[in-house]
């Protein structure tokens, strides 16, 4: 399977558009570009029943975040605090940045 075009990155603040967690906001922990999915903090939490083993002595029910499709996520612009679509822009120095389609500002964190 080939890589999908995913405009979302790790540590982006996103809102869920569809599913059981619709309307909730979280931070992206991990992006899986091959599947077109992302793992968001405290979103799409599933329960995994595990047997006791050498790695997990206790066993029991473990809650963890499952990947959610990126089409169900929308970025929250850090400048205008709204859910926005993303565009790309090439700056004078030749670097590519993601820009907010509403306010026109860069959504990249300052490094």
C-alpha atoms as a PDB file:
ATOM      1  CA  UNK A   1       0.000   0.000   0.000  1.00  0.00           C
ATOM      2  CA  UNK A   2       1.310   3.438  -0.826  1.00  0.00           C
ATOM      3  CA  UNK A   3       1.599   6.484   1.429  1.00  0.00           C
ATOM      4  CA  UNK A   4      -1.461   8.681   1.683  1.00  0.00           C
ATOM      5  CA  UNK A   5      -1.178  12.491   1.708  1.00  0.00           C
ATOM      6  CA  UNK A   6      -1.626  13.379   5.364  1.00  0.00           C
ATOM      7  CA  UNK A   7      -1.385  17.045   6.296  1.00  0.00           C
ATOM      8  CA  UNK A   8      -1.624  16.361  10.042  1.00  0.00           C
ATOM      9  CA  UNK A   9       1.508  15.938  12.139  1.00  0.00           C
ATOM     10  CA  UNK A  10       2.419  14.780  15.642  1.00  0.00           C
ATOM     11  CA  UNK A  11       1.520  17.288  18.434  1.00  0.00           C
ATOM     12  CA  UNK A  12      -1.181  18.990  16.313  1.00  0.00           C
ATOM     13  CA  UNK A  13      -4.374  19.920  18.177  1.00  0.00           C
ATOM     14  CA  UNK A  14      -7.351  18.345  16.344  1.00  0.00           C
ATOM     15  CA  UNK A  15     -11.127  18.033  16.687  1.00  0.00           C
ATOM     16  CA  UNK A  16     -13.006  14.819  15.875  1.00  0.00           C
ATOM     17  CA  UNK A  17     -15.655  15.310  13.158  1.00  0.00           C
ATOM     18  CA  UNK A  18     -17.364  11.906  13.174  1.00  0.00           C
ATOM     19  CA  UNK A  19     -17.803   8.814  15.310  1.00  0.00           C
ATOM     20  CA  UNK A  20     -18.425   8.156  18.987  1.00  0.00           C
ATOM     21  CA  UNK A  21     -16.018  10.943  20.049  1.00  0.00           C
ATOM     22  CA  UNK A  22     -17.482  13.616  17.731  1.00  0.00           C
ATOM     23  CA  UNK A  23     -16.753  17.156  18.955  1.00  0.00           C
ATOM     24  CA  UNK A  24     -13.914  16.163  21.294  1.00  0.00           C
ATOM     25  CA  UNK A  25     -10.484  17.763  21.060  1.00  0.00           C
ATOM     26  CA  UNK A  26      -7.115  16.097  21.524  1.00  0.00           C
ATOM     27  CA  UNK A  27      -3.431  16.125  20.614  1.00  0.00           C
ATOM     28  CA  UNK A  28      -2.027  13.749  17.980  1.00  0.00           C
ATOM     29  CA  UNK A  29       0.359  11.247  19.572  1.00  0.00           C
ATOM     30  CA  UNK A  30       1.309   9.258  16.453  1.00  0.00           C
ATOM     31  CA  UNK A  31       0.563   9.348  12.713  1.00  0.00           C
ATOM     32  CA  UNK A  32       0.366   6.196  10.572  1.00  0.00           C
ATOM     33  CA  UNK A  33       0.678   7.452   6.970  1.00  0.00           C
ATOM     34  CA  UNK A  34       0.460   4.002   5.333  1.00  0.00           C
ATOM     35  CA  UNK A  35      -3.000   3.417   6.827  1.00  0.00           C
ATOM     36  CA  UNK A  36      -4.068   7.076   6.679  1.00  0.00           C
ATOM     37  CA  UNK A  37      -4.763   7.068  10.419  1.00  0.00           C
ATOM     38  CA  UNK A  38      -3.629   8.894  13.543  1.00  0.00           C
ATOM     39  CA  UNK A  39      -3.663   8.122  17.270  1.00  0.00           C
ATOM     40  CA  UNK A  40      -5.164  10.997  19.287  1.00  0.00           C
ATOM     41  CA  UNK A  41      -4.767  11.465  23.045  1.00  0.00           C
ATOM     42  CA  UNK A  42      -7.864  10.238  24.989  1.00  0.00           C
ATOM     43  CA  UNK A  43      -9.870   9.729  21.753  1.00  0.00           C
ATOM     44  CA  UNK A  44     -11.202   6.367  20.449  1.00  0.00           C
ATOM     45  CA  UNK A  45     -10.215   4.554  23.659  1.00  0.00           C
ATOM     46  CA  UNK A  46     -10.636   0.770  23.475  1.00  0.00           C
ATOM     47  CA  UNK A  47     -10.431  -1.908  26.167  1.00  0.00           C
ATOM     48  CA  UNK A  48      -7.985  -4.755  25.609  1.00  0.00           C
ATOM     49  CA  UNK A  49      -8.357  -7.891  27.752  1.00  0.00           C
ATOM     50  CA  UNK A  50      -4.920  -9.378  28.459  1.00  0.00           C
ATOM     51  CA  UNK A  51      -3.775 -12.586  30.091  1.00  0.00           C
ATOM     52  CA  UNK A  52      -0.997 -12.498  32.668  1.00  0.00           C
ATOM     53  CA  UNK A  53       2.410 -13.043  31.006  1.00  0.00           C
ATOM     54  CA  UNK A  54       6.081 -12.425  31.689  1.00  0.00           C
ATOM     55  CA  UNK A  55       5.779  -8.915  30.230  1.00  0.00           C
ATOM     56  CA  UNK A  56       2.507  -8.136  32.020  1.00  0.00           C
ATOM     57  CA  UNK A  57       2.394  -9.926  35.387  1.00  0.00           C
ATOM     58  CA  UNK A  58      -1.017  -8.598  36.423  1.00  0.00           C
ATOM     59  CA  UNK A  59      -3.148  -9.110  33.316  1.00  0.00           C
ATOM     60  CA  UNK A  60      -6.649  -7.623  33.272  1.00  0.00           C
ATOM     61  CA  UNK A  61      -8.310  -4.919  31.197  1.00  0.00           C
ATOM     62  CA  UNK A  62      -6.048  -2.301  29.604  1.00  0.00           C
ATOM     63  CA  UNK A  63      -7.462   0.882  28.082  1.00  0.00           C
ATOM     64  CA  UNK A  64      -5.554   2.399  25.161  1.00  0.00           C
ATOM     65  CA  UNK A  65      -6.113   4.724  22.220  1.00  0.00           C
ATOM     66  CA  UNK A  66      -6.846   3.138  18.857  1.00  0.00           C
ATOM     67  CA  UNK A  67      -6.046   4.830  15.517  1.00  0.00           C
ATOM     68  CA  UNK A  68      -8.764   6.993  13.958  1.00  0.00           C
ATOM     69  CA  UNK A  69      -8.965   7.818  10.246  1.00  0.00           C
ATOM     70  CA  UNK A  70      -7.541  11.249   9.386  1.00  0.00           C
ATOM     71  CA  UNK A  71     -10.641  12.133   7.333  1.00  0.00           C
ATOM     72  CA  UNK A  72     -12.506  12.281  10.655  1.00  0.00           C
ATOM     73  CA  UNK A  73     -10.059  14.804  12.138  1.00  0.00           C
ATOM     74  CA  UNK A  74      -9.715  18.540  11.566  1.00  0.00           C
ATOM     75  CA  UNK A  75      -6.858  20.742  12.706  1.00  0.00           C
ATOM     76  CA  UNK A  76      -7.443  23.561  15.202  1.00  0.00           C
ATOM     77  CA  UNK A  77      -5.438  26.640  14.188  1.00  0.00           C
ATOM     78  CA  UNK A  78      -3.238  27.840  17.080  1.00  0.00           C
ATOM     79  CA  UNK A  79      -3.678  31.494  15.975  1.00  0.00           C
ATOM     80  CA  UNK A  80      -7.443  31.817  15.330  1.00  0.00           C
ATOM     81  CA  UNK A  81      -8.559  28.828  17.516  1.00  0.00           C
ATOM     82  CA  UNK A  82     -10.971  27.511  14.862  1.00  0.00           C
ATOM     83  CA  UNK A  83     -11.124  24.227  12.990  1.00  0.00           C
ATOM     84  CA  UNK A  84      -9.514  24.885   9.623  1.00  0.00           C
ATOM     85  CA  UNK A  85      -8.450  23.339   6.355  1.00  0.00           C
ATOM     86  CA  UNK A  86      -4.756  23.437   5.570  1.00  0.00           C
ATOM     87  CA  UNK A  87      -2.858  24.816   2.607  1.00  0.00           C
ATOM     88  CA  UNK A  88       0.829  24.786   1.766  1.00  0.00           C
ATOM     89  CA  UNK A  89       3.061  27.742   1.021  1.00  0.00           C
ATOM     90  CA  UNK A  90       6.711  28.037   0.039  1.00  0.00           C
ATOM     91  CA  UNK A  91       8.537  30.854   1.857  1.00  0.00           C
ATOM     92  CA  UNK A  92      11.297  33.075   0.409  1.00  0.00           C
ATOM     93  CA  UNK A  93      14.012  30.867   1.928  1.00  0.00           C
ATOM     94  CA  UNK A  94      12.557  27.798   0.147  1.00  0.00           C
ATOM     95  CA  UNK A  95      10.964  26.048   3.132  1.00  0.00           C
ATOM     96  CA  UNK A  96       7.450  24.613   2.874  1.00  0.00           C
ATOM     97  CA  UNK A  97       4.979  25.511   5.640  1.00  0.00           C
ATOM     98  CA  UNK A  98       1.367  24.568   6.335  1.00  0.00           C
ATOM     99  CA  UNK A  99      -0.957  27.566   6.465  1.00  0.00           C
ATOM    100  CA  UNK A 100      -4.438  28.127   7.893  1.00  0.00           C
ATOM    101  CA  UNK A 101      -7.006  28.725   5.126  1.00  0.00           C
ATOM    102  CA  UNK A 102      -9.039  31.095   7.366  1.00  0.00           C
ATOM    103  CA  UNK A 103      -6.426  33.470   8.807  1.00  0.00           C
ATOM    104  CA  UNK A 104      -3.543  32.801   6.402  1.00  0.00           C
ATOM    105  CA  UNK A 105      -1.018  32.323   9.218  1.00  0.00           C
ATOM    106  CA  UNK A 106       1.484  29.477   9.466  1.00  0.00           C
ATOM    107  CA  UNK A 107       0.393  26.633  11.771  1.00  0.00           C
ATOM    108  CA  UNK A 108       3.938  25.296  12.216  1.00  0.00           C
ATOM    109  CA  UNK A 109       5.315  25.541  15.765  1.00  0.00           C
ATOM    110  CA  UNK A 110       8.104  28.082  16.219  1.00  0.00           C
ATOM    111  CA  UNK A 111      11.440  26.248  16.484  1.00  0.00           C
END
